[in-house]
Amino acid sequence: MMQKLLACVLALFATTVGATTFDAERAKALKGDYTAQRNVAYGYSALPYPGQDKNPTLACAWRIIILKSGNAGGDAIDTSKQAVYCGKLPPAEREQAEAQAASLLKQIK
């Protein structure tokens, strides 16, 4: 009985924490936080946070942002991932991702 109660409490805690994690991570990403930008991009492409849907176009947009936002942490891995995730998109979606990236870059402080 105690194990079931503990499991329920942990699940509730994970859900509560996870529900705010995407919003918090996105807010940090929009402030220029390199790690948060990578986490948001990864969420859109692979393992979304609770409240975040997979979205290949936004995954590409955030990969573009990582490279164009002037982060000192950007490296060859980021360049490679941008090529992979953006390269999977049809041309019209790639253009949409570039437009979204440009718009989001204006918001980054």
Protein backbone atom coordinates (compact mmCIF):
# COMPACT_ATOMS: atom_id res chain seq x y z
CA MET A 1 0.00 0.00 0.00
CA MET A 2 2.80 2.41 0.92
CA GLN A 3 4.57 1.75 -2.40
CA LYS A 4 1.38 2.56 -4.35
CA LEU A 5 0.93 5.79 -2.39
CA LEU A 6 4.55 6.76 -2.98
CA ALA A 7 4.22 5.98 -6.69
CA CYS A 8 1.08 8.15 -6.91
CA VAL A 9 2.78 11.03 -5.10
CA LEU A 10 5.83 10.80 -7.36
CA ALA A 11 3.64 10.67 -10.48
CA LEU A 12 1.68 13.71 -9.30
CA PHE A 13 4.93 15.57 -8.54
CA ALA A 14 6.36 14.72 -11.97
CA THR A 15 3.18 15.86 -13.68
CA THR A 16 3.05 19.12 -11.71
CA VAL A 17 6.70 19.90 -12.29
CA GLY A 18 6.54 18.83 -15.94
CA ALA A 19 3.50 20.98 -16.64
CA THR A 20 5.50 24.13 -15.98
CA THR A 21 8.78 22.86 -17.38
CA PHE A 22 8.04 23.58 -21.04
CA ASP A 23 6.85 27.12 -20.34
CA ALA A 24 9.85 27.77 -18.10
CA GLU A 25 12.29 26.25 -20.59
CA ARG A 26 10.80 28.23 -23.49
CA ALA A 27 11.02 31.43 -21.43
CA LYS A 28 14.71 30.75 -20.76
CA ALA A 29 15.25 29.97 -24.45
CA LEU A 30 13.71 33.31 -25.40
CA LYS A 31 16.16 34.99 -23.02
CA GLY A 32 19.02 33.48 -25.01
CA ASP A 33 19.82 30.48 -22.82
CA TYR A 34 21.71 28.09 -25.09
CA THR A 35 20.85 24.91 -23.18
CA ALA A 36 17.18 25.85 -23.01
CA GLN A 37 17.15 26.51 -26.75
CA ARG A 38 18.59 23.06 -27.38
CA ASN A 39 16.06 21.49 -24.99
CA VAL A 40 13.11 23.23 -26.68
CA ALA A 41 14.37 22.19 -30.13
CA TYR A 42 14.82 18.62 -28.97
CA GLY A 43 11.35 18.59 -27.46
CA TYR A 44 9.79 19.67 -30.73
CA SER A 45 11.68 16.94 -32.60
CA ALA A 46 11.79 13.97 -30.25
CA LEU A 47 10.66 13.93 -26.62
CA PRO A 48 8.29 16.79 -25.93
CA TYR A 49 7.76 18.21 -22.48
CA PRO A 50 4.22 17.92 -21.12
CA GLY A 51 2.28 20.63 -22.90
CA GLN A 52 4.63 20.65 -25.90
CA ASP A 53 3.66 18.84 -29.09
CA LYS A 54 6.11 17.40 -31.57
CA ASN A 55 6.43 19.89 -34.39
CA PRO A 56 9.12 19.35 -37.03
CA THR A 57 8.78 22.92 -38.34
CA LEU A 58 9.35 24.43 -34.90
CA ALA A 59 12.17 21.94 -34.26
CA CYS A 60 13.89 23.29 -37.36
CA ALA A 61 13.13 26.90 -36.38
CA TRP A 62 14.75 26.44 -32.98
CA ARG A 63 17.78 24.74 -34.57
CA ILE A 64 18.16 27.83 -36.77
CA ILE A 65 17.79 30.06 -33.70
CA ILE A 66 20.55 28.20 -31.88
CA LEU A 67 22.94 28.98 -34.71
CA LYS A 68 21.84 32.57 -35.29
CA SER A 69 21.31 33.86 -31.76
CA GLY A 70 24.99 34.40 -31.09
CA ASN A 71 25.42 31.76 -28.40
CA ALA A 72 28.99 31.00 -27.52
CA GLY A 73 27.96 27.37 -26.97
CA GLY A 74 26.91 26.72 -30.58
CA ASP A 75 29.10 24.10 -32.19
CA ALA A 76 29.42 21.62 -35.06
CA ILE A 77 26.84 19.37 -33.43
CA ASP A 78 24.28 22.18 -33.62
CA THR A 79 25.15 22.77 -37.27
CA SER A 80 24.74 19.07 -37.97
CA LYS A 81 21.41 18.84 -36.15
CA GLN A 82 20.11 21.89 -37.98
CA ALA A 83 20.99 20.25 -41.30
CA VAL A 84 19.31 16.99 -40.27
CA TYR A 85 16.10 18.40 -38.81
CA CYS A 86 15.62 21.16 -41.37
CA GLY A 87 16.70 18.88 -44.20
CA LYS A 88 13.77 16.55 -43.52
CA LEU A 89 11.24 19.29 -44.24
CA PRO A 90 9.63 19.93 -47.61
CA PRO A 91 10.64 23.31 -49.08
CA ALA A 92 7.43 25.10 -48.04
CA GLU A 93 7.78 23.94 -44.42
CA ARG A 94 11.47 24.88 -44.45
CA GLU A 95 10.51 28.40 -45.51
CA GLN A 96 7.93 28.50 -42.74
CA ALA A 97 10.57 27.38 -40.21
CA GLU A 98 12.94 30.11 -41.39
CA ALA A 99 10.18 32.71 -41.02
CA GLN A 100 9.32 31.45 -37.53
CA ALA A 101 12.99 31.51 -36.56
CA ALA A 102 13.31 35.11 -37.78
CA SER A 103 10.25 36.12 -35.78
CA LEU A 104 11.44 34.35 -32.62
CA LEU A 105 14.95 35.80 -32.97
CA LYS A 106 13.43 39.27 -32.64
CA GLN A 107 12.00 38.22 -29.26
CA ILE A 108 15.27 36.92 -27.85
CA LYS A 109 16.68 39.31 -25.29
